[in-house]
C-alpha atoms as a PDB file:
ATOM      1  CA  MET A   1      36.742  89.831  14.885  1.00  0.00           C
ATOM      2  CA  GLN A   2      32.875  88.970  14.820  1.00  0.00           C
ATOM      3  CA  VAL A   3      32.963  90.331  11.442  1.00  0.00           C
ATOM      4  CA  THR A   4      36.111  88.156  10.198  1.00  0.00           C
ATOM      5  CA  ALA A   5      34.863  85.355  11.149  1.00  0.00           C
ATOM      6  CA  PHE A   6      31.256  85.757   9.456  1.00  0.00           C
ATOM      7  CA  PHE A   7      33.451  86.907   5.976  1.00  0.00           C
ATOM      8  CA  PHE A   8      35.305  83.408   6.473  1.00  0.00           C
ATOM      9  CA  GLY A   9      32.227  81.383   7.022  1.00  0.00           C
ATOM     10  CA  ILE A  10      30.443  83.476   3.909  1.00  0.00           C
ATOM     11  CA  LEU A  11      33.912  82.519   1.807  1.00  0.00           C
ATOM     12  CA  ALA A  12      34.075  78.797   2.909  1.00  0.00           C
ATOM     13  CA  PHE A  13      30.376  78.186   2.199  1.00  0.00           C
ATOM     14  CA  VAL A  14      31.239  79.842  -0.988  1.00  0.00           C
ATOM     15  CA  ILE A  15      33.809  77.893  -1.792  1.00  0.00           C
ATOM     16  CA  TYR A  16      31.865  74.541  -0.889  1.00  0.00           C
ATOM     17  CA  ALA A  17      28.648  75.264  -2.655  1.00  0.00           C
ATOM     18  CA  VAL A  18      30.494  76.486  -5.744  1.00  0.00           C
ATOM     19  CA  PHE A  19      33.871  74.334  -6.312  1.00  0.00           C
ATOM     20  CA  ILE A  20      33.144  71.284  -4.164  1.00  0.00           C
ATOM     21  CA  ARG A  21      29.457  70.507  -4.853  1.00  0.00           C
ATOM     22  CA  ALA A  22      29.721  71.929  -8.030  1.00  0.00           C
ATOM     23  CA  PHE A  23      31.123  68.915  -9.586  1.00  0.00           C
ATOM     24  CA  TYR A  24      29.477  65.269  -9.743  1.00  0.00           C
ATOM     25  CA  THR A  25      30.048  62.195 -11.698  1.00  0.00           C
ATOM     26  CA  VAL A  26      27.879  59.513 -12.847  1.00  0.00           C
ATOM     27  CA  LYS A  27      28.186  55.846 -12.655  1.00  0.00           C
ATOM     28  CA  PRO A  28      28.309  53.448 -15.526  1.00  0.00           C
ATOM     29  CA  ASP A  29      25.139  51.944 -14.469  1.00  0.00           C
ATOM     30  CA  GLU A  30      23.342  55.201 -13.583  1.00  0.00           C
ATOM     31  CA  ARG A  31      21.780  58.181 -15.530  1.00  0.00           C
ATOM     32  CA  ALA A  32      21.567  61.614 -14.379  1.00  0.00           C
ATOM     33  CA  ILE A  33      19.249  64.809 -14.900  1.00  0.00           C
ATOM     34  CA  LEU A  34      19.743  68.336 -14.179  1.00  0.00           C
ATOM     35  CA  THR A  35      17.433  71.126 -12.193  1.00  0.00           C
ATOM     36  CA  SER A  36      17.665  74.474 -12.241  1.00  0.00           C
ATOM     37  CA  PHE A  37      15.236  75.897  -9.566  1.00  0.00           C
ATOM     38  CA  GLY A  38      13.523  73.077  -9.737  1.00  0.00           C
ATOM     39  CA  ARG A  39      12.750  72.680 -13.484  1.00  0.00           C
ATOM     40  CA  ALA A  40      14.426  70.010 -15.074  1.00  0.00           C
ATOM     41  CA  GLN A  41      16.301  70.500 -18.403  1.00  0.00           C
ATOM     42  CA  ARG A  42      14.299  69.293 -21.437  1.00  0.00           C
ATOM     43  CA  LEU A  43      14.689  68.311 -25.012  1.00  0.00           C
ATOM     44  CA  GLY A  44      12.827  71.387 -26.672  1.00  0.00           C
ATOM     45  CA  ARG A  45       9.455  70.959 -27.066  1.00  0.00           C
ATOM     46  CA  LEU A  46       9.722  66.611 -27.624  1.00  0.00           C
ATOM     47  CA  MET A  47       7.032  64.775 -25.612  1.00  0.00           C
ATOM     48  CA  VAL A  48       7.285  60.990 -24.562  1.00  0.00           C
ATOM     49  CA  GLU A  49       4.960  58.880 -26.790  1.00  0.00           C
ATOM     50  CA  ASP A  50       3.937  55.116 -26.359  1.00  0.00           C
ATOM     51  CA  PRO A  51       1.726  53.381 -29.142  1.00  0.00           C
ATOM     52  CA  SER A  52       0.280  51.124 -26.311  1.00  0.00           C
ATOM     53  CA  LEU A  53      -1.596  53.848 -24.597  1.00  0.00           C
ATOM     54  CA  SER A  54      -4.864  54.813 -25.441  1.00  0.00           C
ATOM     55  CA  ASP A  55      -6.011  58.329 -26.530  1.00  0.00           C
ATOM     56  CA  GLU A  56      -7.309  59.325 -23.346  1.00  0.00           C
ATOM     57  CA  GLU A  57      -4.456  58.107 -21.340  1.00  0.00           C
ATOM     58  CA  LYS A  58      -2.021  60.086 -23.936  1.00  0.00           C
ATOM     59  CA  GLN A  59      -3.821  62.913 -22.850  1.00  0.00           C
ATOM     60  CA  ARG A  60      -3.058  62.070 -19.229  1.00  0.00           C
ATOM     61  CA  TYR A  61       0.261  60.587 -19.181  1.00  0.00           C
ATOM     62  CA  ARG A  62       1.834  63.760 -21.423  1.00  0.00           C
ATOM     63  CA  PHE A  63       5.426  63.884 -20.265  1.00  0.00           C
ATOM     64  CA  PRO A  64       8.470  66.035 -21.750  1.00  0.00           C
ATOM     65  CA  ARG A  65      11.521  64.326 -22.766  1.00  0.00           C
ATOM     66  CA  LEU A  66      14.278  65.755 -20.755  1.00  0.00           C
ATOM     67  CA  ARG A  67      18.054  65.695 -21.237  1.00  0.00           C
ATOM     68  CA  VAL A  68      19.505  62.946 -19.894  1.00  0.00           C
ATOM     69  CA  ILE A  69      23.492  63.012 -18.806  1.00  0.00           C
ATOM     70  CA  GLY A  70      25.149  59.703 -19.216  1.00  0.00           C
ATOM     71  CA  PRO A  71      28.365  58.213 -17.633  1.00  0.00           C
ATOM     72  CA  GLY A  72      31.138  60.010 -16.785  1.00  0.00           C
ATOM     73  CA  GLY A  73      32.178  62.909 -15.482  1.00  0.00           C
ATOM     74  CA  PRO A  74      33.300  64.869 -13.386  1.00  0.00           C
ATOM     75  CA  TYR A  75      30.488  67.535 -14.623  1.00  0.00           C
ATOM     76  CA  PHE A  76      30.186  70.641 -13.292  1.00  0.00           C
ATOM     77  CA  LYS A  77      26.748  72.505 -11.815  1.00  0.00           C
ATOM     78  CA  TRP A  78      25.790  75.886 -10.677  1.00  0.00           C
ATOM     79  CA  PRO A  79      24.726  76.232  -7.057  1.00  0.00           C
ATOM     80  CA  TRP A  80      21.197  76.448  -7.856  1.00  0.00           C
ATOM     81  CA  GLN A  81      21.160  73.443  -9.955  1.00  0.00           C
ATOM     82  CA  GLU A  82      20.769  69.782  -8.887  1.00  0.00           C
ATOM     83  CA  VAL A  83      21.470  66.467  -9.707  1.00  0.00           C
ATOM     84  CA  HIS A  84      18.916  63.532  -9.826  1.00  0.00           C
ATOM     85  CA  LYS A  85      20.606  60.218 -10.128  1.00  0.00           C
ATOM     86  CA  VAL A  86      19.149  56.956 -10.893  1.00  0.00           C
ATOM     87  CA  ARG A  87      19.954  52.965 -11.501  1.00  0.00           C
ATOM     88  CA  VAL A  88      19.014  52.127 -15.056  1.00  0.00           C
ATOM     89  CA  VAL A  89      19.831  48.239 -14.716  1.00  0.00           C
ATOM     90  CA  THR A  90      17.180  45.595 -14.440  1.00  0.00           C
ATOM     91  CA  GLN A  91      16.302  45.026 -11.024  1.00  0.00           C
ATOM     92  CA  ALA A  92      14.001  42.116  -9.574  1.00  0.00           C
ATOM     93  CA  ILE A  93      11.718  42.872  -6.565  1.00  0.00           C
ATOM     94  CA  ASP A  94       9.241  40.176  -4.672  1.00  0.00           C
ATOM     95  CA  LEU A  95       5.447  40.308  -5.422  1.00  0.00           C
ATOM     96  CA  THR A  96       4.715  40.474  -1.867  1.00  0.00           C
ATOM     97  CA  TRP A  97       6.998  43.822  -1.561  1.00  0.00           C
ATOM     98  CA  ASP A  98       4.775  46.572  -0.263  1.00  0.00           C
ATOM     99  CA  PRO A  99       6.003  49.785   1.746  1.00  0.00           C
ATOM    100  CA  THR A 100       2.482  50.006   3.416  1.00  0.00           C
ATOM    101  CA  LYS A 101       2.188  46.381   5.013  1.00  0.00           C
ATOM    102  CA  ALA A 102       4.309  43.166   5.809  1.00  0.00           C
ATOM    103  CA  GLN A 103       2.777  40.157   3.472  1.00  0.00           C
ATOM    104  CA  SER A 104       4.389  37.012   2.967  1.00  0.00           C
ATOM    105  CA  THR A 105       2.152  35.971  -0.295  1.00  0.00           C
ATOM    106  CA  VAL A 106      -0.317  38.116  -2.835  1.00  0.00           C
ATOM    107  CA  GLU A 107      -3.987  37.099  -2.232  1.00  0.00           C
ATOM    108  CA  ALA A 108      -6.221  36.622  -5.137  1.00  0.00           C
ATOM    109  CA  VAL A 109      -9.546  35.102  -5.831  1.00  0.00           C
ATOM    110  CA  THR A 110     -10.112  32.835  -8.822  1.00  0.00           C
ATOM    111  CA  LYS A 111     -13.157  32.431 -11.243  1.00  0.00           C
ATOM    112  CA  ASP A 112     -14.640  29.670  -8.434  1.00  0.00           C
ATOM    113  CA  ASN A 113     -14.601  31.921  -5.680  1.00  0.00           C
ATOM    114  CA  LEU A 114     -11.527  30.305  -4.071  1.00  0.00           C
ATOM    115  CA  THR A 115      -8.997  32.535  -2.316  1.00  0.00           C
ATOM    116  CA  THR A 116      -5.303  31.688  -3.392  1.00  0.00           C
ATOM    117  CA  GLY A 117      -1.728  32.732  -2.707  1.00  0.00           C
ATOM    118  CA  VAL A 118       0.340  33.802  -5.518  1.00  0.00           C
ATOM    119  CA  GLY A 119       3.886  34.560  -5.451  1.00  0.00           C
ATOM    120  CA  GLY A 120       6.966  35.425  -7.084  1.00  0.00           C
ATOM    121  CA  GLN A 121       8.973  38.139  -8.994  1.00  0.00           C
ATOM    122  CA  ILE A 122       9.016  40.736 -11.550  1.00  0.00           C
ATOM    123  CA  ARG A 123      11.980  42.130 -13.174  1.00  0.00           C
ATOM    124  CA  PHE A 124      11.994  45.859 -13.927  1.00  0.00           C
ATOM    125  CA  ARG A 125      14.140  48.977 -14.798  1.00  0.00           C
ATOM    126  CA  VAL A 126      13.994  53.156 -15.122  1.00  0.00           C
ATOM    127  CA  SER A 127      12.998  53.764 -18.777  1.00  0.00           C
ATOM    128  CA  GLU A 128      15.878  56.297 -20.115  1.00  0.00           C
ATOM    129  CA  ASN A 129      13.121  57.887 -22.246  1.00  0.00           C
ATOM    130  CA  ASN A 130      10.686  59.026 -19.529  1.00  0.00           C
ATOM    131  CA  LEU A 131      12.806  60.126 -16.361  1.00  0.00           C
ATOM    132  CA  TYR A 132      10.191  62.860 -16.252  1.00  0.00           C
ATOM    133  CA  ALA A 133       7.460  60.237 -15.180  1.00  0.00           C
ATOM    134  CA  TYR A 134      10.075  58.722 -12.829  1.00  0.00           C
ATOM    135  CA  PHE A 135      11.138  61.881 -11.141  1.00  0.00           C
ATOM    136  CA  PHE A 136       8.362  64.158 -10.744  1.00  0.00           C
ATOM    137  CA  GLY A 137       5.123  62.340 -12.331  1.00  0.00           C
ATOM    138  CA  VAL A 138       4.443  60.197  -8.662  1.00  0.00           C
ATOM    139  CA  ASP A 139       5.742  60.102  -5.547  1.00  0.00           C
ATOM    140  CA  SER A 140       6.561  56.422  -5.479  1.00  0.00           C
ATOM    141  CA  PRO A 141       7.115  55.065  -9.320  1.00  0.00           C
ATOM    142  CA  LEU A 142       7.693  51.337  -7.973  1.00  0.00           C
ATOM    143  CA  GLU A 143       4.990  51.285  -5.643  1.00  0.00           C
ATOM    144  CA  HIS A 144       2.458  52.504  -8.201  1.00  0.00           C
ATOM    145  CA  VAL A 145       3.843  49.952 -10.647  1.00  0.00           C
ATOM    146  CA  MET A 146       3.587  47.219  -7.744  1.00  0.00           C
ATOM    147  CA  GLY A 147       0.176  47.996  -7.092  1.00  0.00           C
ATOM    148  CA  TYR A 148      -0.727  48.102 -10.926  1.00  0.00           C
ATOM    149  CA  PHE A 149       0.707  44.706 -11.618  1.00  0.00           C
ATOM    150  CA  ILE A 150      -0.770  43.199  -8.852  1.00  0.00           C
ATOM    151  CA  SER A 151      -4.575  44.526  -9.879  1.00  0.00           C
ATOM    152  CA  VAL A 152      -4.166  43.677 -13.299  1.00  0.00           C
ATOM    153  CA  LEU A 153      -2.942  39.696 -12.089  1.00  0.00           C
ATOM    154  CA  ARG A 154      -5.677  39.742  -9.620  1.00  0.00           C
ATOM    155  CA  GLU A 155      -7.945  40.424 -12.344  1.00  0.00           C
ATOM    156  CA  ARG A 156      -6.668  37.674 -14.395  1.00  0.00           C
ATOM    157  CA  ILE A 157      -6.892  35.024 -12.070  1.00  0.00           C
ATOM    158  CA  ALA A 158     -10.564  35.758 -11.355  1.00  0.00           C
ATOM    159  CA  ASN A 159     -11.473  35.305 -15.169  1.00  0.00           C
ATOM    160  CA  PHE A 160      -8.687  32.462 -16.091  1.00  0.00           C
ATOM    161  CA  THR A 161      -9.705  29.586 -18.158  1.00  0.00           C
ATOM    162  CA  ASP A 162      -7.355  26.993 -19.369  1.00  0.00           C
ATOM    163  CA  PRO A 163      -6.721  27.668 -23.018  1.00  0.00           C
ATOM    164  CA  LYS A 164      -6.233  24.181 -23.744  1.00  0.00           C
ATOM    165  CA  GLY A 165      -9.185  22.586 -21.935  1.00  0.00           C
ATOM    166  CA  ASP A 166     -11.446  22.740 -25.295  1.00  0.00           C
ATOM    167  CA  ASN A 167      -8.839  20.059 -26.733  1.00  0.00           C
ATOM    168  CA  LEU A 168      -9.357  17.758 -23.963  1.00  0.00           C
ATOM    169  CA  ILE A 169     -12.464  16.156 -25.153  1.00  0.00           C
ATOM    170  CA  GLY A 170     -13.825  16.250 -29.080  1.00  0.00           C
ATOM    171  CA  GLU A 171     -17.139  17.857 -29.743  1.00  0.00           C
ATOM    172  CA  THR A 172     -18.249  14.478 -30.804  1.00  0.00           C
ATOM    173  CA  GLU A 173     -18.120  12.877 -27.389  1.00  0.00           C
ATOM    174  CA  LEU A 174     -19.486  15.874 -25.376  1.00  0.00           C
ATOM    175  CA  GLY A 175     -23.414  15.193 -26.070  1.00  0.00           C
ATOM    176  CA  ALA A 176     -25.346  16.161 -23.117  1.00  0.00           C
ATOM    177  CA  VAL A 177     -22.873  16.645 -20.579  1.00  0.00           C
ATOM    178  CA  GLY A 178     -22.024  20.711 -22.068  1.00  0.00           C
ATOM    179  CA  THR A 179     -18.776  22.232 -23.109  1.00  0.00           C
ATOM    180  CA  ALA A 180     -14.885  21.103 -21.984  1.00  0.00           C
ATOM    181  CA  SER A 181     -15.095  24.320 -20.120  1.00  0.00           C
ATOM    182  CA  GLU A 182     -18.169  23.465 -18.126  1.00  0.00           C
ATOM    183  CA  LEU A 183     -16.421  19.793 -17.267  1.00  0.00           C
ATOM    184  CA  SER A 184     -13.242  21.950 -16.393  1.00  0.00           C
ATOM    185  CA  GLU A 185     -15.129  24.265 -14.119  1.00  0.00           C
ATOM    186  CA  GLY A 186     -14.104  24.409 -10.343  1.00  0.00           C
ATOM    187  CA  VAL A 187     -10.196  22.987 -10.830  1.00  0.00           C
ATOM    188  CA  SER A 188      -9.036  26.943 -11.982  1.00  0.00           C
ATOM    189  CA  ILE A 189      -6.013  26.709  -9.303  1.00  0.00           C
ATOM    190  CA  ASN A 190      -5.324  23.763 -11.319  1.00  0.00           C
ATOM    191  CA  ASP A 191      -5.525  25.440 -14.858  1.00  0.00           C
ATOM    192  CA  LEU A 192      -3.604  28.349 -13.291  1.00  0.00           C
ATOM    193  CA  ARG A 193      -0.845  26.021 -12.472  1.00  0.00           C
ATOM    194  CA  LYS A 194      -0.385  24.607 -15.681  1.00  0.00           C
ATOM    195  CA  ASN A 195      -0.458  27.613 -17.565  1.00  0.00           C
ATOM    196  CA  LEU A 196       2.052  29.758 -15.648  1.00  0.00           C
ATOM    197  CA  PRO A 197       3.665  30.667 -18.600  1.00  0.00           C
ATOM    198  CA  VAL A 198       0.552  31.604 -20.371  1.00  0.00           C
ATOM    199  CA  LEU A 199      -0.154  33.674 -17.471  1.00  0.00           C
ATOM    200  CA  ASN A 200       3.333  35.537 -17.090  1.00  0.00           C
ATOM    201  CA  GLY A 201       3.135  36.606 -20.851  1.00  0.00           C
ATOM    202  CA  TYR A 202      -0.202  38.044 -20.519  1.00  0.00           C
ATOM    203  CA  MET A 203       0.809  40.276 -17.437  1.00  0.00           C
ATOM    204  CA  GLU A 204       3.997  41.170 -19.715  1.00  0.00           C
ATOM    205  CA  GLN A 205       1.592  42.272 -22.166  1.00  0.00           C
ATOM    206  CA  GLN A 206      -0.777  44.291 -20.361  1.00  0.00           C
ATOM    207  CA  CYS A 207       2.102  45.907 -18.368  1.00  0.00           C
ATOM    208  CA  ARG A 208       4.164  47.468 -21.456  1.00  0.00           C
ATOM    209  CA  SER A 209       2.478  51.011 -20.757  1.00  0.00           C
ATOM    210  CA  THR A 210       4.266  51.088 -17.283  1.00  0.00           C
ATOM    211  CA  GLY A 211       7.105  52.964 -19.034  1.00  0.00           C
ATOM    212  CA  ALA A 212       4.747  55.481 -20.420  1.00  0.00           C
ATOM    213  CA  ARG A 213       2.759  55.796 -17.460  1.00  0.00           C
ATOM    214  CA  TYR A 214       5.544  55.706 -14.549  1.00  0.00           C
ATOM    215  CA  GLY A 215       8.497  55.733 -15.910  1.00  0.00           C
ATOM    216  CA  ILE A 216       9.576  52.057 -15.071  1.00  0.00           C
ATOM    217  CA  GLU A 217       9.832  49.245 -17.973  1.00  0.00           C
ATOM    218  CA  LEU A 218       8.291  45.769 -16.752  1.00  0.00           C
ATOM    219  CA  ASP A 219      11.089  43.421 -18.250  1.00  0.00           C
ATOM    220  CA  ALA A 220       9.588  40.310 -17.222  1.00  0.00           C
ATOM    221  CA  ALA A 221       7.329  38.762 -14.949  1.00  0.00           C
ATOM    222  CA  LEU A 222       8.142  35.545 -12.951  1.00  0.00           C
ATOM    223  CA  ILE A 223       5.032  33.936 -11.079  1.00  0.00           C
ATOM    224  CA  THR A 224       6.404  30.831  -9.854  1.00  0.00           C
ATOM    225  CA  GLN A 225       3.550  29.582  -7.572  1.00  0.00           C
ATOM    226  CA  ILE A 226      -0.384  29.241  -6.859  1.00  0.00           C
ATOM    227  CA  ASP A 227      -0.786  28.106  -3.645  1.00  0.00           C
ATOM    228  CA  PRO A 228      -4.001  27.534  -2.069  1.00  0.00           C
ATOM    229  CA  PRO A 229      -5.263  26.718   1.643  1.00  0.00           C
ATOM    230  CA  PRO A 230      -4.242  23.146   2.617  1.00  0.00           C
ATOM    231  CA  GLU A 231      -7.621  22.134   2.689  1.00  0.00           C
ATOM    232  CA  VAL A 232      -8.404  23.347  -0.725  1.00  0.00           C
ATOM    233  CA  ASP A 233      -5.208  21.957  -2.114  1.00  0.00           C
ATOM    234  CA  ARG A 234      -6.573  18.332  -0.980  1.00  0.00           C
ATOM    235  CA  ALA A 235      -9.750  18.283  -2.288  1.00  0.00           C
ATOM    236  CA  LEU A 236      -8.472  20.094  -5.601  1.00  0.00           C
ATOM    237  CA  SER A 237      -5.510  17.398  -5.929  1.00  0.00           C
ATOM    238  CA  ALA A 238      -8.594  14.830  -5.605  1.00  0.00           C
ATOM    239  CA  ILE A 239     -10.710  16.385  -8.318  1.00  0.00           C
ATOM    240  CA  ASN A 240      -7.514  16.857 -10.436  1.00  0.00           C
ATOM    241  CA  THR A 241      -6.905  13.110 -10.035  1.00  0.00           C
ATOM    242  CA  THR A 242     -10.369  11.986 -11.133  1.00  0.00           C
ATOM    243  CA  ARG A 243     -10.316  14.430 -14.018  1.00  0.00           C
ATOM    244  CA  ASN A 244      -7.135  13.069 -15.369  1.00  0.00           C
ATOM    245  CA  GLN A 245      -8.584   9.754 -14.906  1.00  0.00           C
ATOM    246  CA  VAL A 246     -11.686  10.873 -16.939  1.00  0.00           C
ATOM    247  CA  ALA A 247      -9.576  11.904 -19.479  1.00  0.00           C
ATOM    248  CA  ALA A 248      -7.343   8.496 -19.396  1.00  0.00           C
ATOM    249  CA  ASP A 249     -10.519   6.673 -19.821  1.00  0.00           C
ATOM    250  CA  ILE A 250     -11.604   8.756 -22.700  1.00  0.00           C
ATOM    251  CA  SER A 251      -8.304   8.457 -24.799  1.00  0.00           C
ATOM    252  CA  THR A 252      -8.417   4.839 -23.991  1.00  0.00           C
ATOM    253  CA  ALA A 253     -12.062   4.191 -25.574  1.00  0.00           C
ATOM    254  CA  ARG A 254     -11.182   6.477 -28.596  1.00  0.00           C
ATOM    255  CA  ALA A 255      -8.267   4.237 -29.380  1.00  0.00           C
ATOM    256  CA  ASP A 256     -10.538   1.121 -29.003  1.00  0.00           C
ATOM    257  CA  ALA A 257     -13.117   2.624 -31.560  1.00  0.00           C
ATOM    258  CA  GLU A 258     -10.314   3.456 -33.954  1.00  0.00           C
ATOM    259  CA  GLN A 259      -8.944   0.414 -33.734  1.00  0.00           C
ATOM    260  CA  GLN A 260     -12.126  -1.211 -34.087  1.00  0.00           C
ATOM    261  CA  ILE A 261     -12.842   0.967 -37.405  1.00  0.00           C
ATOM    262  CA  THR A 262      -9.834   0.171 -38.901  1.00  0.00           C
ATOM    263  CA  MET A 263     -10.053  -3.884 -38.226  1.00  0.00           C
ATOM    264  CA  SER A 264     -13.522  -3.243 -39.924  1.00  0.00           C
ATOM    265  CA  LYS A 265     -12.344  -1.653 -42.950  1.00  0.00           C
ATOM    266  CA  ARG A 266      -9.840  -4.331 -43.351  1.00  0.00           C
ATOM    267  CA  ALA A 267     -12.229  -6.803 -43.268  1.00  0.00           C
ATOM    268  CA  VAL A 268     -14.379  -5.056 -45.605  1.00  0.00           C
ATOM    269  CA  GLU A 269     -11.331  -4.797 -48.110  1.00  0.00           C
ATOM    270  CA  ILE A 270     -10.264  -8.699 -47.734  1.00  0.00           C
ATOM    271  CA  ALA A 271     -14.124  -9.900 -48.493  1.00  0.00           C
ATOM    272  CA  ARG A 272     -13.788  -7.466 -51.354  1.00  0.00           C
ATOM    273  CA  ASN A 273     -10.675  -8.951 -53.279  1.00  0.00           C
ATOM    274  CA  ASN A 274     -12.321 -12.327 -52.065  1.00  0.00           C
ATOM    275  CA  ALA A 275     -15.426 -11.522 -54.213  1.00  0.00           C
ATOM    276  CA  GLN A 276     -13.273  -9.856 -57.095  1.00  0.00           C
ATOM    277  CA  ALA A 277     -10.992 -13.219 -57.030  1.00  0.00           C
ATOM    278  CA  GLU A 278     -13.813 -15.616 -57.325  1.00  0.00           C
ATOM    279  CA  VAL A 279     -15.311 -13.919 -60.187  1.00  0.00           C
ATOM    280  CA  ALA A 280     -12.313 -13.328 -62.338  1.00  0.00           C
ATOM    281  CA  PRO A 281     -12.379 -16.778 -63.806  1.00  0.00           C
ATOM    282  CA  LEU A 282     -15.803 -16.400 -64.503  1.00  0.00           C
ATOM    283  CA  LYS A 283     -15.509 -13.067 -66.474  1.00  0.00           C
ATOM    284  CA  GLU A 284     -12.489 -14.860 -68.319  1.00  0.00           C
ATOM    285  CA  LEU A 285     -14.514 -17.723 -69.641  1.00  0.00           C
ATOM    286  CA  ALA A 286     -17.392 -15.617 -70.730  1.00  0.00           C
ATOM    287  CA  ASP A 287     -14.939 -13.564 -72.518  1.00  0.00           C
ATOM    288  CA  THR A 288     -13.410 -16.826 -74.260  1.00  0.00           C
ATOM    289  CA  LEU A 289     -16.923 -18.239 -75.254  1.00  0.00           C
ATOM    290  CA  THR A 290     -17.816 -14.921 -76.654  1.00  0.00           C
ATOM    291  CA  ARG A 291     -15.088 -14.770 -78.784  1.00  0.00           C
ATOM    292  CA  ILE A 292     -14.904 -18.327 -79.913  1.00  0.00           C
ATOM    293  CA  LYS A 293     -18.915 -17.745 -81.191  1.00  0.00           C
ATOM    294  CA  ALA A 294     -17.588 -14.946 -82.488  1.00  0.00           C
ATOM    295  CA  SER A 295     -14.872 -16.182 -84.345  1.00  0.00           C
ATOM    296  CA  GLY A 296     -16.287 -20.055 -85.183  1.00  0.00           C
ATOM    297  CA  GLY A 297     -19.967 -19.677 -84.868  1.00  0.00           C
ATOM    298  CA  PRO A 298     -22.069 -22.184 -82.905  1.00  0.00           C
ATOM    299  CA  ASN A 299     -20.680 -25.503 -84.297  1.00  0.00           C
ATOM    300  CA  ALA A 300     -17.085 -24.088 -83.036  1.00  0.00           C
ATOM    301  CA  LEU A 301     -18.650 -23.269 -79.572  1.00  0.00           C
ATOM    302  CA  ARG A 302     -20.266 -26.842 -79.376  1.00  0.00           C
ATOM    303  CA  VAL A 303     -17.168 -28.538 -79.890  1.00  0.00           C
ATOM    304  CA  TYR A 304     -15.391 -26.539 -77.338  1.00  0.00           C
ATOM    305  CA  ILE A 305     -17.558 -27.224 -74.973  1.00  0.00           C
ATOM    306  CA  ARG A 306     -17.436 -31.357 -75.959  1.00  0.00           C
ATOM    307  CA  ASN A 307     -13.665 -30.916 -75.649  1.00  0.00           C
ATOM    308  CA  LEU A 308     -14.134 -29.435 -72.079  1.00  0.00           C
ATOM    309  CA  ARG A 309     -16.314 -32.376 -71.266  1.00  0.00           C
ATOM    310  CA  LEU A 310     -13.743 -35.328 -72.407  1.00  0.00           C
ATOM    311  CA  PRO A 311     -11.546 -34.678 -69.434  1.00  0.00           C
ATOM    312  CA  LEU A 312     -14.272 -35.077 -67.174  1.00  0.00           C
ATOM    313  CA  LEU A 313     -15.760 -37.568 -68.812  1.00  0.00           C
ATOM    314  CA  GLY A 314     -12.724 -39.498 -68.299  1.00  0.00           C
ATOM    315  CA  ARG A 315     -12.717 -39.088 -64.571  1.00  0.00           C
ATOM    316  CA  ALA A 316     -16.499 -39.879 -64.440  1.00  0.00           C
ATOM    317  CA  ALA A 317     -17.173 -43.353 -62.377  1.00  0.00           C
ATOM    318  CA  ARG A 318     -20.827 -43.496 -63.890  1.00  0.00           C
ATOM    319  CA  ILE A 319     -22.667 -41.286 -66.903  1.00  0.00           C
ATOM    320  CA  VAL A 320     -26.075 -41.062 -66.873  1.00  0.00           C
ATOM    321  CA  GLN A 321     -27.802 -40.058 -70.117  1.00  0.00           C
ATOM    322  CA  THR A 322     -31.162 -38.619 -70.067  1.00  0.00           C
ATOM    323  CA  THR A 323     -33.349 -38.457 -73.538  1.00  0.00           C
ATOM    324  CA  THR A 324     -36.433 -36.657 -74.257  1.00  0.00           C
ATOM    325  CA  ALA A 325     -39.554 -38.605 -75.070  1.00  0.00           C
ATOM    326  CA  THR A 326     -40.997 -37.370 -78.450  1.00  0.00           C
ATOM    327  CA  GLN A 327     -44.905 -37.818 -79.118  1.00  0.00           C
END
């Protein structure tokens, strides 16, 4: 009786292991790989290649390409084979996610030694071209990606400078006060707040290699808040107000100077036109006298002058004639 039960038990296990667990399906948002005795099925000798990695990193992150099982089924596998499934849709996760601790914000230090809290999300998806790194490269790929992202973010915040700061004041107005970057020193948190799209773009560019490193591709960085402590935020608000007032005063002074220059140019042009208008009749008279003398000689010129005097003599109230005494 015990032998019969033993054989029935073996038969039931074989039926379960071979026939029931031998078939599996893959959902539309999933991809799967198959391992035999722990070894994943590979695509020959093809390796994962990523041009964003350096030569040293290419040697370190050298992973084989695996045969990916797409959506569908039922598929068959042997008892010594195991199926590994993963979702490949784009997912979002908060920057504060950390499996080792609970936190409400990510702390970072700015270039002026102010501690600020950073909040936001990142969107990511599992790379179908590098499932080996996701399943077998590291124990927790998402945790590694988050650690890599946070370290790059803190490094960027610590060295961030407003790319538009040099346009705040022109080079001619700087004089002895230094550069525009020096004038904006101490307000790096305000610069970060104004340039969140620039910061997000930089993070996306720097994290393009995460697909080759950990099998997770960064889809977008969505850093939405830079929150310093309340007392620091109040001080920075006052600094920001003063800076805006300085910029407004500079703009006003520049506009007034340009207006004065324009008015001076117009005054010079008007004076030039008036002088030309006064000189033009004299030039015309000189040309007329030259032509009369050239065509009729000195006598014609004296007659012309006499004829010009007649209207003047008719309007004169008194005429004085002077003679030169001869010895």
